[in-house]
Amino acid sequence: MAKSSIHIDVELDKDKVPENISWHASDNSDEAQKAKAMMVAFWDGADKSALRIDLWTKEMMVDEMADFFYQTFTTMADTFKRATNQQPLVDDIKNFAKEFYQKFRKIQMEQNKLV
């Protein structure tokens, strides 16, 4: 049986706020990859609940977070399609992702006008 692992390192400041996030997959290169944010979710079949870890560094900008969420929503839709083949629900998720990002951009434009 083949085995693969992912190792995640999070460096925290004195207030336990992430300063650096890096990860390494056993079947990738030997060099750790840096990240400004991460989301990891596990499904607990016994409890029927999602266990999540969401972290981001101090350097993560608000516009980067919006991009991260948009891309995450989109890839979640793709994963849901592969798992269920429920195209109408996939379309709903992708439409939500687009609306979310458009609303974010509109808010950003309005806030930038105020500055």
N, C-alpha and C. Protein backbone atom coordinates (compact mmCIF):
# COMPACT_ATOMS: atom_id res chain seq x y z
N MET A 1 0.84 -1.18 0.00
CA MET A 1 0.00 0.00 0.00
C MET A 1 0.89 1.25 0.00
N ALA A 2 0.61 2.18 -0.90
CA ALA A 2 1.38 3.42 -0.96
C ALA A 2 0.94 4.35 0.17
N LYS A 3 1.88 5.19 0.58
CA LYS A 3 1.59 6.12 1.66
C LYS A 3 2.15 7.49 1.29
N SER A 4 1.40 8.52 1.60
CA SER A 4 1.83 9.89 1.35
C SER A 4 1.53 10.71 2.59
N SER A 5 2.34 11.73 2.85
CA SER A 5 2.09 12.57 4.02
C SER A 5 2.31 14.04 3.66
N ILE A 6 1.66 14.89 4.43
CA ILE A 6 1.83 16.33 4.31
C ILE A 6 2.23 16.84 5.68
N HIS A 7 3.30 17.60 5.71
CA HIS A 7 3.82 18.16 6.96
C HIS A 7 3.63 19.67 6.91
N ILE A 8 3.02 20.24 7.94
CA ILE A 8 2.76 21.67 8.01
C ILE A 8 3.48 22.24 9.23
N ASP A 9 4.23 23.32 9.01
CA ASP A 9 4.89 24.04 10.10
C ASP A 9 4.30 25.43 10.20
N VAL A 10 3.97 25.84 11.42
CA VAL A 10 3.43 27.18 11.67
C VAL A 10 4.30 27.81 12.75
N GLU A 11 4.92 28.94 12.40
CA GLU A 11 5.71 29.69 13.38
C GLU A 11 4.83 30.79 13.94
N LEU A 12 4.76 30.87 15.27
CA LEU A 12 3.90 31.83 15.94
C LEU A 12 4.72 32.92 16.62
N ASP A 13 4.13 34.12 16.72
CA ASP A 13 4.78 35.18 17.48
C ASP A 13 4.47 34.98 18.97
N LYS A 14 4.88 35.93 19.80
CA LYS A 14 4.68 35.78 21.25
C LYS A 14 3.20 35.75 21.63
N ASP A 15 2.31 36.32 20.77
CA ASP A 15 0.87 36.31 21.03
C ASP A 15 0.17 35.14 20.36
N LYS A 16 0.97 34.20 19.84
CA LYS A 16 0.47 33.01 19.16
C LYS A 16 -0.28 33.32 17.87
N VAL A 17 0.15 34.39 17.19
CA VAL A 17 -0.37 34.75 15.87
C VAL A 17 0.61 34.20 14.83
N PRO A 18 0.11 33.51 13.80
CA PRO A 18 1.02 32.94 12.80
C PRO A 18 1.87 34.00 12.10
N GLU A 19 3.17 33.76 12.07
CA GLU A 19 4.09 34.62 11.33
C GLU A 19 4.52 33.97 10.03
N ASN A 20 4.71 32.65 10.06
CA ASN A 20 5.14 31.91 8.88
C ASN A 20 4.40 30.58 8.83
N ILE A 21 4.01 30.20 7.63
CA ILE A 21 3.40 28.90 7.39
C ILE A 21 4.18 28.26 6.25
N SER A 22 4.57 27.03 6.43
CA SER A 22 5.21 26.28 5.35
C SER A 22 4.71 24.85 5.39
N TRP A 23 4.76 24.21 4.23
CA TRP A 23 4.28 22.84 4.15
C TRP A 23 5.14 22.05 3.17
N HIS A 24 5.11 20.75 3.33
CA HIS A 24 5.88 19.86 2.47
C HIS A 24 5.09 18.57 2.29
N ALA A 25 4.93 18.16 1.05
CA ALA A 25 4.28 16.88 0.75
C ALA A 25 5.36 15.85 0.44
N SER A 26 5.18 14.65 0.93
CA SER A 26 6.20 13.61 0.79
C SER A 26 6.45 13.24 -0.67
N ASP A 27 5.46 13.40 -1.54
CA ASP A 27 5.66 13.04 -2.95
C ASP A 27 5.97 14.25 -3.83
N ASN A 28 6.31 15.39 -3.22
CA ASN A 28 6.75 16.59 -3.94
C ASN A 28 8.24 16.77 -3.76
N SER A 29 8.73 17.94 -4.09
CA SER A 29 10.16 18.21 -3.92
C SER A 29 10.53 18.20 -2.44
N ASP A 30 11.80 18.20 -2.18
CA ASP A 30 12.28 18.19 -0.80
C ASP A 30 12.14 19.54 -0.13
N GLU A 31 11.92 20.58 -0.92
CA GLU A 31 11.86 21.93 -0.37
C GLU A 31 10.46 22.29 0.13
N ALA A 32 10.39 22.86 1.32
CA ALA A 32 9.11 23.28 1.88
C ALA A 32 8.56 24.47 1.09
N GLN A 33 7.25 24.52 0.95
CA GLN A 33 6.56 25.61 0.26
C GLN A 33 6.04 26.59 1.29
N LYS A 34 6.22 27.88 1.04
CA LYS A 34 5.70 28.89 1.95
C LYS A 34 4.25 29.21 1.58
N ALA A 35 3.47 29.63 2.57
CA ALA A 35 2.08 30.02 2.35
C ALA A 35 1.74 31.17 3.30
N LYS A 36 0.82 32.02 2.87
CA LYS A 36 0.34 33.10 3.74
C LYS A 36 -0.93 32.68 4.47
N ALA A 37 -1.61 31.66 3.95
CA ALA A 37 -2.85 31.21 4.59
C ALA A 37 -3.05 29.73 4.27
N MET A 38 -3.88 29.10 5.09
CA MET A 38 -4.21 27.69 4.87
C MET A 38 -5.59 27.39 5.42
N MET A 39 -6.24 26.44 4.80
CA MET A 39 -7.49 25.87 5.30
C MET A 39 -7.38 24.36 5.14
N VAL A 40 -7.60 23.66 6.21
CA VAL A 40 -7.58 22.20 6.18
C VAL A 40 -8.87 21.73 6.83
N ALA A 41 -9.53 20.80 6.18
CA ALA A 41 -10.78 20.27 6.75
C ALA A 41 -10.74 18.74 6.70
N PHE A 42 -11.23 18.14 7.76
CA PHE A 42 -11.36 16.69 7.85
C PHE A 42 -12.80 16.36 8.16
N TRP A 43 -13.31 15.29 7.62
CA TRP A 43 -14.67 14.84 7.92
C TRP A 43 -14.59 13.73 8.96
N ASP A 44 -15.24 13.94 10.09
CA ASP A 44 -15.32 12.94 11.15
C ASP A 44 -16.61 12.16 10.92
N GLY A 45 -16.47 10.96 10.37
CA GLY A 45 -17.65 10.15 10.05
C GLY A 45 -18.44 9.73 11.27
N ALA A 46 -17.77 9.53 12.39
CA ALA A 46 -18.46 9.11 13.61
C ALA A 46 -19.34 10.23 14.14
N ASP A 47 -18.80 11.43 14.19
CA ASP A 47 -19.56 12.58 14.70
C ASP A 47 -20.37 13.29 13.62
N LYS A 48 -20.13 12.93 12.36
CA LYS A 48 -20.78 13.60 11.23
C LYS A 48 -20.54 15.11 11.29
N SER A 49 -19.26 15.48 11.47
CA SER A 49 -18.92 16.89 11.57
C SER A 49 -17.58 17.17 10.90
N ALA A 50 -17.43 18.40 10.45
CA ALA A 50 -16.17 18.84 9.85
C ALA A 50 -15.27 19.41 10.92
N LEU A 51 -14.03 19.00 10.89
CA LEU A 51 -13.00 19.54 11.77
C LEU A 51 -12.12 20.42 10.89
N ARG A 52 -11.90 21.66 11.29
CA ARG A 52 -11.20 22.61 10.43
C ARG A 52 -10.05 23.29 11.15
N ILE A 53 -9.06 23.64 10.34
CA ILE A 53 -7.97 24.49 10.80
C ILE A 53 -7.84 25.61 9.76
N ASP A 54 -8.06 26.85 10.18
CA ASP A 54 -7.93 28.02 9.31
C ASP A 54 -6.90 28.94 9.93
N LEU A 55 -5.83 29.20 9.22
CA LEU A 55 -4.78 30.07 9.71
C LEU A 55 -4.30 31.00 8.60
N TRP A 56 -3.89 32.21 8.98
CA TRP A 56 -3.27 33.11 8.02
C TRP A 56 -2.24 33.95 8.75
N THR A 57 -1.24 34.38 8.00
CA THR A 57 -0.16 35.16 8.60
C THR A 57 -0.52 36.64 8.63
N LYS A 58 0.30 37.38 9.37
CA LYS A 58 0.11 38.82 9.46
C LYS A 58 0.27 39.51 8.11
N GLU A 59 1.02 38.90 7.21
CA GLU A 59 1.29 39.50 5.91
C GLU A 59 0.15 39.28 4.90
N MET A 60 -0.82 38.46 5.23
CA MET A 60 -1.93 38.19 4.31
C MET A 60 -2.78 39.45 4.17
N MET A 61 -2.83 39.97 2.95
CA MET A 61 -3.59 41.18 2.68
C MET A 61 -5.07 40.83 2.46
N VAL A 62 -5.93 41.82 2.66
CA VAL A 62 -7.38 41.59 2.53
C VAL A 62 -7.73 41.15 1.11
N ASP A 63 -7.13 41.78 0.10
CA ASP A 63 -7.43 41.39 -1.27
C ASP A 63 -6.94 39.97 -1.57
N GLU A 64 -5.83 39.57 -0.95
CA GLU A 64 -5.35 38.20 -1.11
C GLU A 64 -6.32 37.22 -0.46
N MET A 65 -6.89 37.60 0.69
CA MET A 65 -7.85 36.73 1.36
C MET A 65 -9.09 36.54 0.48
N ALA A 66 -9.55 37.61 -0.16
CA ALA A 66 -10.70 37.49 -1.06
C ALA A 66 -10.38 36.56 -2.24
N ASP A 67 -9.18 36.71 -2.81
CA ASP A 67 -8.77 35.80 -3.90
C ASP A 67 -8.71 34.36 -3.41
N PHE A 68 -8.16 34.18 -2.21
CA PHE A 68 -8.04 32.84 -1.62
C PHE A 68 -9.42 32.21 -1.45
N PHE A 69 -10.37 32.98 -0.92
CA PHE A 69 -11.72 32.44 -0.74
C PHE A 69 -12.39 32.16 -2.07
N TYR A 70 -12.27 33.07 -3.03
CA TYR A 70 -12.86 32.85 -4.36
C TYR A 70 -12.32 31.55 -4.96
N GLN A 71 -11.01 31.40 -4.95
CA GLN A 71 -10.43 30.19 -5.53
C GLN A 71 -10.81 28.94 -4.75
N THR A 72 -10.91 29.06 -3.43
CA THR A 72 -11.31 27.91 -2.61
C THR A 72 -12.74 27.51 -2.90
N PHE A 73 -13.65 28.49 -2.99
CA PHE A 73 -15.04 28.17 -3.34
C PHE A 73 -15.10 27.45 -4.69
N THR A 74 -14.34 27.95 -5.66
CA THR A 74 -14.36 27.36 -7.00
C THR A 74 -13.83 25.94 -6.99
N THR A 75 -12.73 25.71 -6.27
CA THR A 75 -12.20 24.35 -6.23
C THR A 75 -13.09 23.42 -5.41
N MET A 76 -13.79 23.97 -4.41
CA MET A 76 -14.76 23.15 -3.68
C MET A 76 -15.87 22.70 -4.61
N ALA A 77 -16.30 23.58 -5.50
CA ALA A 77 -17.34 23.23 -6.47
C ALA A 77 -16.84 22.10 -7.38
N ASP A 78 -15.60 22.22 -7.85
CA ASP A 78 -15.04 21.18 -8.71
C ASP A 78 -14.96 19.84 -7.97
N THR A 79 -14.55 19.87 -6.72
CA THR A 79 -14.48 18.65 -5.91
C THR A 79 -15.86 18.06 -5.71
N PHE A 80 -16.84 18.92 -5.43
CA PHE A 80 -18.21 18.45 -5.22
C PHE A 80 -18.74 17.79 -6.50
N LYS A 81 -18.40 18.35 -7.66
CA LYS A 81 -18.84 17.74 -8.92
C LYS A 81 -18.24 16.36 -9.09
N ARG A 82 -16.93 16.23 -8.85
CA ARG A 82 -16.29 14.93 -8.99
C ARG A 82 -16.89 13.90 -8.03
N ALA A 83 -17.28 14.35 -6.83
CA ALA A 83 -17.79 13.43 -5.81
C ALA A 83 -19.26 13.08 -6.02
N THR A 84 -20.05 14.03 -6.55
CA THR A 84 -21.51 13.82 -6.59
C THR A 84 -22.13 13.90 -7.99
N ASN A 85 -21.45 14.56 -8.90
CA ASN A 85 -21.98 14.82 -10.25
C ASN A 85 -23.29 15.61 -10.21
N GLN A 86 -23.45 16.47 -9.21
CA GLN A 86 -24.66 17.30 -9.05
C GLN A 86 -24.40 18.68 -9.67
N GLN A 87 -24.47 18.76 -11.00
CA GLN A 87 -24.12 19.98 -11.71
C GLN A 87 -24.91 21.21 -11.27
N PRO A 88 -26.22 21.11 -11.00
CA PRO A 88 -26.93 22.32 -10.55
C PRO A 88 -26.37 22.91 -9.25
N LEU A 89 -25.97 22.05 -8.32
CA LEU A 89 -25.38 22.54 -7.07
C LEU A 89 -23.97 23.10 -7.30
N VAL A 90 -23.24 22.47 -8.20
CA VAL A 90 -21.92 22.98 -8.57
C VAL A 90 -22.05 24.37 -9.16
N ASP A 91 -23.03 24.55 -10.04
CA ASP A 91 -23.27 25.87 -10.63
C ASP A 91 -23.62 26.90 -9.56
N ASP A 92 -24.41 26.49 -8.57
CA ASP A 92 -24.77 27.40 -7.46
C ASP A 92 -23.53 27.85 -6.69
N ILE A 93 -22.65 26.92 -6.40
CA ILE A 93 -21.44 27.26 -5.66
C ILE A 93 -20.56 28.22 -6.48
N LYS A 94 -20.41 27.93 -7.77
CA LYS A 94 -19.57 28.78 -8.62
C LYS A 94 -20.21 30.16 -8.80
N ASN A 95 -21.54 30.21 -8.92
CA ASN A 95 -22.20 31.51 -9.02
C ASN A 95 -22.03 32.31 -7.73
N PHE A 96 -22.15 31.63 -6.60
CA PHE A 96 -21.91 32.30 -5.32
C PHE A 96 -20.49 32.86 -5.26
N ALA A 97 -19.52 32.06 -5.69
CA ALA A 97 -18.12 32.50 -5.67
C ALA A 97 -17.96 33.77 -6.51
N LYS A 98 -18.55 33.80 -7.67
CA LYS A 98 -18.45 34.99 -8.53
C LYS A 98 -19.11 36.20 -7.87
N GLU A 99 -20.31 36.00 -7.32
CA GLU A 99 -21.01 37.10 -6.65
C GLU A 99 -20.22 37.60 -5.44
N PHE A 100 -19.68 36.69 -4.68
CA PHE A 100 -18.85 37.03 -3.53
C PHE A 100 -17.70 37.92 -3.96
N TYR A 101 -16.98 37.51 -5.00
CA TYR A 101 -15.82 38.27 -5.44
C TYR A 101 -16.21 39.63 -6.01
N GLN A 102 -17.31 39.66 -6.76
CA GLN A 102 -17.79 40.95 -7.31
C GLN A 102 -18.16 41.90 -6.18
N LYS A 103 -18.85 41.40 -5.16
CA LYS A 103 -19.21 42.24 -4.01
C LYS A 103 -17.97 42.73 -3.30
N PHE A 104 -17.00 41.86 -3.13
CA PHE A 104 -15.76 42.28 -2.48
C PHE A 104 -15.10 43.41 -3.27
N ARG A 105 -15.00 43.25 -4.58
CA ARG A 105 -14.36 44.27 -5.42
C ARG A 105 -15.11 45.60 -5.33
N LYS A 106 -16.43 45.53 -5.31
CA LYS A 106 -17.24 46.75 -5.20
C LYS A 106 -16.96 47.46 -3.87
N ILE A 107 -16.94 46.70 -2.79
CA ILE A 107 -16.65 47.27 -1.47
C ILE A 107 -15.26 47.89 -1.46
N GLN A 108 -14.28 47.20 -2.03
CA GLN A 108 -12.92 47.73 -2.08
C GLN A 108 -12.87 49.05 -2.84
N MET A 109 -13.57 49.12 -3.96
CA MET A 109 -13.60 50.35 -4.77
C MET A 109 -14.22 51.49 -3.96
N GLU A 110 -15.31 51.21 -3.26
CA GLU A 110 -15.97 52.23 -2.46
C GLU A 110 -15.07 52.70 -1.31
N GLN A 111 -14.39 51.77 -0.67
CA GLN A 111 -13.50 52.13 0.43
C GLN A 111 -12.30 52.93 -0.08
N ASN A 112 -11.81 52.60 -1.25
CA ASN A 112 -10.66 53.33 -1.81
C ASN A 112 -11.04 54.76 -2.18
N LYS A 113 -12.28 54.99 -2.56
CA LYS A 113 -12.74 56.35 -2.88
C LYS A 113 -12.76 57.23 -1.64
N LEU A 114 -13.00 56.60 -0.47
CA LEU A 114 -13.06 57.34 0.77
C LEU A 114 -11.69 57.77 1.28
N VAL A 115 -10.68 57.11 0.82
CA VAL A 115 -9.32 57.40 1.32
C VAL A 115 -8.73 58.60 0.63
